[in-house]
Amino acid sequence: MKLCETDRQEGASGRHRLDEEALLAALAATTSPEVMKRLLTDILTPAEYATLCRRWSILRQLHEGRTQRAVAADLHASLCNVTRGARILRDSTSAAAQLLGDEPAP
């Protein structure tokens, strides 16, 4: 598992590892989309939240079978970001691929 950016910058101190674990536990404990949205919009800037939503949209559209170029055009995203999403979905151990596999068809 990758460490948070601050862990790499500050020598992976124990405090930052605990912060990461606490964040992951808080996210995992969130069971409602409404509460998750409030949490994410509390801790992320509007631009960070929009980027996260866009990345999920890329993954969803690719999972639905759209071509990389069509997804890039639809979302005004770089082909590089869309290709990264396709690589994630090809990895059977990817949590994103597994979550999308469990989602009902739109």
N, C-alpha and C. Protein backbone atom coordinates (compact mmCIF):
# COMPACT_ATOMS: atom_id res chain seq x y z
N MET A 1 0.84 -1.17 0.00
CA MET A 1 0.00 0.00 0.00
C MET A 1 0.89 1.24 0.00
N LYS A 2 0.52 2.22 -0.80
CA LYS A 2 1.29 3.46 -0.85
C LYS A 2 1.01 4.29 0.39
N LEU A 3 2.04 5.00 0.82
CA LEU A 3 1.88 5.88 1.95
C LEU A 3 1.35 7.23 1.48
N CYS A 4 0.76 7.96 2.39
CA CYS A 4 0.33 9.31 2.07
C CYS A 4 1.53 10.14 1.65
N GLU A 5 1.31 11.15 0.84
CA GLU A 5 2.39 12.02 0.38
C GLU A 5 3.19 12.59 1.54
N THR A 6 2.53 12.99 2.63
CA THR A 6 3.25 13.56 3.76
C THR A 6 4.16 12.53 4.40
N ASP A 7 3.79 11.25 4.36
CA ASP A 7 4.64 10.21 4.92
C ASP A 7 5.95 10.13 4.16
N ARG A 8 5.88 10.21 2.84
CA ARG A 8 7.11 10.15 2.05
C ARG A 8 7.96 11.38 2.29
N GLN A 9 7.32 12.55 2.42
CA GLN A 9 8.06 13.79 2.61
C GLN A 9 8.70 13.87 3.98
N GLU A 10 8.08 13.30 4.98
CA GLU A 10 8.57 13.46 6.34
C GLU A 10 9.13 12.17 6.92
N GLY A 11 9.59 11.29 6.05
CA GLY A 11 10.24 10.09 6.53
C GLY A 11 9.32 9.05 7.13
N ALA A 12 8.08 9.02 6.73
CA ALA A 12 7.12 8.01 7.19
C ALA A 12 7.05 7.95 8.70
N SER A 13 6.94 9.11 9.33
CA SER A 13 6.84 9.15 10.79
C SER A 13 5.59 8.41 11.25
N GLY A 14 5.65 7.91 12.46
CA GLY A 14 4.53 7.15 13.01
C GLY A 14 3.24 7.95 13.07
N ARG A 15 3.34 9.25 13.36
CA ARG A 15 2.14 10.08 13.46
C ARG A 15 1.41 10.15 12.13
N HIS A 16 2.13 10.30 11.05
CA HIS A 16 1.47 10.40 9.75
C HIS A 16 0.87 9.06 9.33
N ARG A 17 1.53 7.97 9.72
CA ARG A 17 0.95 6.66 9.43
C ARG A 17 -0.36 6.49 10.19
N LEU A 18 -0.40 6.97 11.42
CA LEU A 18 -1.63 6.90 12.20
C LEU A 18 -2.71 7.78 11.58
N ASP A 19 -2.31 8.95 11.05
CA ASP A 19 -3.28 9.82 10.38
C ASP A 19 -3.86 9.12 9.17
N GLU A 20 -3.02 8.45 8.40
CA GLU A 20 -3.51 7.73 7.22
C GLU A 20 -4.47 6.63 7.63
N GLU A 21 -4.09 5.86 8.64
CA GLU A 21 -4.96 4.78 9.11
C GLU A 21 -6.29 5.32 9.60
N ALA A 22 -6.27 6.44 10.32
CA ALA A 22 -7.50 7.05 10.82
C ALA A 22 -8.38 7.54 9.67
N LEU A 23 -7.77 8.14 8.67
CA LEU A 23 -8.52 8.60 7.50
C LEU A 23 -9.17 7.42 6.79
N LEU A 24 -8.40 6.37 6.55
CA LEU A 24 -8.94 5.20 5.86
C LEU A 24 -10.06 4.55 6.67
N ALA A 25 -9.90 4.51 7.98
CA ALA A 25 -10.95 3.94 8.83
C ALA A 25 -12.21 4.81 8.77
N ALA A 26 -12.04 6.13 8.77
CA ALA A 26 -13.21 7.02 8.68
C ALA A 26 -13.92 6.85 7.35
N LEU A 27 -13.16 6.76 6.26
CA LEU A 27 -13.78 6.57 4.95
C LEU A 27 -14.50 5.22 4.87
N ALA A 28 -13.87 4.19 5.41
CA ALA A 28 -14.47 2.85 5.37
C ALA A 28 -15.72 2.76 6.24
N ALA A 29 -15.78 3.55 7.30
CA ALA A 29 -16.93 3.51 8.20
C ALA A 29 -18.13 4.27 7.65
N THR A 30 -17.91 5.08 6.63
CA THR A 30 -18.98 5.88 6.06
C THR A 30 -19.86 4.99 5.19
N THR A 31 -21.13 4.88 5.54
CA THR A 31 -22.02 3.96 4.83
C THR A 31 -23.05 4.67 3.96
N SER A 32 -23.12 5.97 4.06
CA SER A 32 -24.13 6.73 3.32
C SER A 32 -23.44 7.62 2.28
N PRO A 33 -23.93 7.60 1.04
CA PRO A 33 -23.36 8.50 0.03
C PRO A 33 -23.44 9.97 0.45
N GLU A 34 -24.50 10.37 1.13
CA GLU A 34 -24.63 11.76 1.56
C GLU A 34 -23.56 12.14 2.58
N VAL A 35 -23.32 11.24 3.54
CA VAL A 35 -22.29 11.51 4.54
C VAL A 35 -20.91 11.49 3.89
N MET A 36 -20.68 10.56 2.97
CA MET A 36 -19.40 10.50 2.28
C MET A 36 -19.15 11.79 1.51
N LYS A 37 -20.18 12.30 0.83
CA LYS A 37 -20.02 13.55 0.08
C LYS A 37 -19.66 14.69 1.03
N ARG A 38 -20.36 14.77 2.16
CA ARG A 38 -20.05 15.83 3.13
C ARG A 38 -18.63 15.70 3.64
N LEU A 39 -18.20 14.48 3.94
CA LEU A 39 -16.84 14.27 4.42
C LEU A 39 -15.81 14.69 3.37
N LEU A 40 -16.02 14.23 2.15
CA LEU A 40 -15.06 14.56 1.08
C LEU A 40 -15.03 16.05 0.78
N THR A 41 -16.19 16.69 0.77
CA THR A 41 -16.20 18.13 0.50
C THR A 41 -15.67 18.93 1.68
N ASP A 42 -15.70 18.35 2.87
CA ASP A 42 -15.08 18.99 4.03
C ASP A 42 -13.55 18.99 3.92
N ILE A 43 -13.00 17.86 3.48
CA ILE A 43 -11.53 17.73 3.54
C ILE A 43 -10.83 18.02 2.21
N LEU A 44 -11.58 18.06 1.11
CA LEU A 44 -10.98 18.35 -0.19
C LEU A 44 -11.40 19.74 -0.66
N THR A 45 -10.54 20.36 -1.47
CA THR A 45 -10.94 21.61 -2.10
C THR A 45 -11.96 21.28 -3.18
N PRO A 46 -12.72 22.26 -3.65
CA PRO A 46 -13.65 21.99 -4.74
C PRO A 46 -12.95 21.41 -5.97
N ALA A 47 -11.76 21.87 -6.28
CA ALA A 47 -11.02 21.35 -7.43
C ALA A 47 -10.60 19.90 -7.21
N GLU A 48 -10.17 19.57 -6.00
CA GLU A 48 -9.78 18.19 -5.69
C GLU A 48 -10.98 17.26 -5.77
N TYR A 49 -12.13 17.72 -5.26
CA TYR A 49 -13.34 16.92 -5.31
C TYR A 49 -13.78 16.70 -6.76
N ALA A 50 -13.72 17.75 -7.56
CA ALA A 50 -14.09 17.63 -8.98
C ALA A 50 -13.17 16.66 -9.70
N THR A 51 -11.88 16.71 -9.39
CA THR A 51 -10.92 15.79 -10.01
C THR A 51 -11.23 14.35 -9.62
N LEU A 52 -11.54 14.12 -8.36
CA LEU A 52 -11.89 12.78 -7.89
C LEU A 52 -13.15 12.28 -8.61
N CYS A 53 -14.16 13.13 -8.73
CA CYS A 53 -15.39 12.74 -9.42
C CYS A 53 -15.12 12.44 -10.89
N ARG A 54 -14.28 13.24 -11.52
CA ARG A 54 -13.95 13.03 -12.93
C ARG A 54 -13.22 11.70 -13.12
N ARG A 55 -12.29 11.40 -12.21
CA ARG A 55 -11.57 10.12 -12.33
C ARG A 55 -12.52 8.94 -12.19
N TRP A 56 -13.50 9.06 -11.29
CA TRP A 56 -14.48 7.99 -11.14
C TRP A 56 -15.34 7.88 -12.39
N SER A 57 -15.69 9.02 -12.98
CA SER A 57 -16.46 9.00 -14.23
C SER A 57 -15.69 8.31 -15.34
N ILE A 58 -14.40 8.56 -15.40
CA ILE A 58 -13.55 7.89 -16.40
C ILE A 58 -13.64 6.38 -16.20
N LEU A 59 -13.46 5.94 -14.96
CA LEU A 59 -13.49 4.51 -14.68
C LEU A 59 -14.86 3.91 -15.01
N ARG A 60 -15.93 4.59 -14.63
CA ARG A 60 -17.29 4.07 -14.89
C ARG A 60 -17.55 3.94 -16.39
N GLN A 61 -17.19 4.98 -17.15
CA GLN A 61 -17.46 4.94 -18.58
C GLN A 61 -16.63 3.85 -19.27
N LEU A 62 -15.39 3.70 -18.86
CA LEU A 62 -14.56 2.63 -19.42
C LEU A 62 -15.15 1.27 -19.06
N HIS A 63 -15.60 1.13 -17.82
CA HIS A 63 -16.20 -0.12 -17.37
C HIS A 63 -17.47 -0.44 -18.18
N GLU A 64 -18.18 0.59 -18.59
CA GLU A 64 -19.39 0.41 -19.40
C GLU A 64 -19.06 0.03 -20.85
N GLY A 65 -17.78 0.06 -21.20
CA GLY A 65 -17.38 -0.38 -22.54
C GLY A 65 -17.10 0.74 -23.53
N ARG A 66 -17.14 1.97 -23.08
CA ARG A 66 -16.83 3.08 -24.00
C ARG A 66 -15.35 3.08 -24.33
N THR A 67 -15.02 3.58 -25.51
CA THR A 67 -13.61 3.64 -25.91
C THR A 67 -12.89 4.75 -25.14
N GLN A 68 -11.58 4.60 -25.05
CA GLN A 68 -10.79 5.61 -24.35
C GLN A 68 -10.95 6.99 -25.00
N ARG A 69 -10.93 7.03 -26.31
CA ARG A 69 -11.06 8.32 -27.00
C ARG A 69 -12.44 8.94 -26.77
N ALA A 70 -13.48 8.12 -26.76
CA ALA A 70 -14.83 8.63 -26.51
C ALA A 70 -14.95 9.19 -25.10
N VAL A 71 -14.37 8.49 -24.14
CA VAL A 71 -14.41 8.95 -22.75
C VAL A 71 -13.64 10.27 -22.62
N ALA A 72 -12.46 10.33 -23.22
CA ALA A 72 -11.65 11.55 -23.16
C ALA A 72 -12.41 12.72 -23.76
N ALA A 73 -13.05 12.50 -24.89
CA ALA A 73 -13.80 13.58 -25.54
C ALA A 73 -15.00 14.00 -24.71
N ASP A 74 -15.73 13.02 -24.18
CA ASP A 74 -16.94 13.30 -23.41
C ASP A 74 -16.63 14.11 -22.15
N LEU A 75 -15.54 13.76 -21.47
CA LEU A 75 -15.22 14.39 -20.19
C LEU A 75 -14.18 15.50 -20.31
N HIS A 76 -13.74 15.76 -21.53
CA HIS A 76 -12.68 16.75 -21.76
C HIS A 76 -11.46 16.42 -20.89
N ALA A 77 -11.13 15.14 -20.86
CA ALA A 77 -10.02 14.63 -20.07
C ALA A 77 -8.86 14.29 -20.99
N SER A 78 -7.67 14.30 -20.44
CA SER A 78 -6.52 13.93 -21.25
C SER A 78 -6.55 12.43 -21.52
N LEU A 79 -6.08 12.05 -22.68
CA LEU A 79 -6.02 10.63 -23.03
C LEU A 79 -5.11 9.89 -22.05
N CYS A 80 -4.12 10.58 -21.52
CA CYS A 80 -3.21 9.98 -20.53
C CYS A 80 -3.99 9.55 -19.28
N ASN A 81 -4.88 10.42 -18.78
CA ASN A 81 -5.69 10.06 -17.60
C ASN A 81 -6.65 8.92 -17.90
N VAL A 82 -7.20 8.92 -19.10
CA VAL A 82 -8.13 7.86 -19.47
C VAL A 82 -7.39 6.54 -19.62
N THR A 83 -6.20 6.59 -20.21
CA THR A 83 -5.38 5.38 -20.34
C THR A 83 -5.01 4.83 -18.97
N ARG A 84 -4.71 5.70 -18.04
CA ARG A 84 -4.42 5.27 -16.66
C ARG A 84 -5.63 4.54 -16.09
N GLY A 85 -6.82 5.08 -16.33
CA GLY A 85 -8.04 4.42 -15.86
C GLY A 85 -8.21 3.05 -16.48
N ALA A 86 -7.92 2.94 -17.77
CA ALA A 86 -8.04 1.64 -18.45
C ALA A 86 -7.06 0.63 -17.86
N ARG A 87 -5.87 1.09 -17.53
CA ARG A 87 -4.86 0.21 -16.93
C ARG A 87 -5.33 -0.27 -15.56
N ILE A 88 -5.95 0.62 -14.80
CA ILE A 88 -6.49 0.25 -13.49
C ILE A 88 -7.54 -0.83 -13.63
N LEU A 89 -8.43 -0.68 -14.61
CA LEU A 89 -9.52 -1.65 -14.78
C LEU A 89 -9.03 -3.00 -15.29
N ARG A 90 -7.91 -3.01 -15.99
CA ARG A 90 -7.36 -4.29 -16.46
C ARG A 90 -6.72 -5.10 -15.34
N ASP A 91 -6.41 -4.43 -14.24
CA ASP A 91 -5.78 -5.09 -13.09
C ASP A 91 -6.87 -5.74 -12.23
N SER A 92 -6.93 -7.05 -12.25
CA SER A 92 -8.00 -7.76 -11.52
C SER A 92 -7.90 -7.57 -10.01
N THR A 93 -6.75 -7.12 -9.51
CA THR A 93 -6.62 -6.87 -8.07
C THR A 93 -6.97 -5.44 -7.70
N SER A 94 -7.31 -4.63 -8.69
CA SER A 94 -7.65 -3.23 -8.44
C SER A 94 -8.95 -3.12 -7.65
N ALA A 95 -8.93 -2.35 -6.58
CA ALA A 95 -10.15 -2.14 -5.79
C ALA A 95 -11.21 -1.44 -6.63
N ALA A 96 -10.80 -0.50 -7.48
CA ALA A 96 -11.76 0.20 -8.33
C ALA A 96 -12.44 -0.78 -9.28
N ALA A 97 -11.67 -1.65 -9.89
CA ALA A 97 -12.24 -2.65 -10.82
C ALA A 97 -13.21 -3.55 -10.07
N GLN A 98 -12.85 -3.95 -8.87
CA GLN A 98 -13.72 -4.82 -8.09
C GLN A 98 -15.00 -4.11 -7.69
N LEU A 99 -14.89 -2.84 -7.28
CA LEU A 99 -16.09 -2.08 -6.91
C LEU A 99 -17.01 -1.88 -8.10
N LEU A 100 -16.45 -1.55 -9.24
CA LEU A 100 -17.27 -1.36 -10.44
C LEU A 100 -17.91 -2.66 -10.90
N GLY A 101 -17.21 -3.77 -10.70
CA GLY A 101 -17.76 -5.06 -11.04
C GLY A 101 -18.97 -5.42 -10.20
N ASP A 102 -19.03 -4.85 -8.99
CA ASP A 102 -20.16 -5.13 -8.09
C ASP A 102 -21.33 -4.16 -8.29
N GLU A 103 -21.10 -3.08 -9.05
CA GLU A 103 -22.16 -2.09 -9.25
C GLU A 103 -23.21 -2.61 -10.21
N PRO A 104 -24.46 -2.29 -9.97
CA PRO A 104 -25.48 -2.66 -10.96
C PRO A 104 -25.30 -1.84 -12.22
N ALA A 105 -25.69 -2.38 -13.33
CA ALA A 105 -25.58 -1.67 -14.61
C ALA A 105 -26.43 -0.40 -14.54
N PRO A 106 -25.93 0.70 -15.16
CA PRO A 106 -26.69 1.97 -15.12
C PRO A 106 -27.97 1.87 -15.93
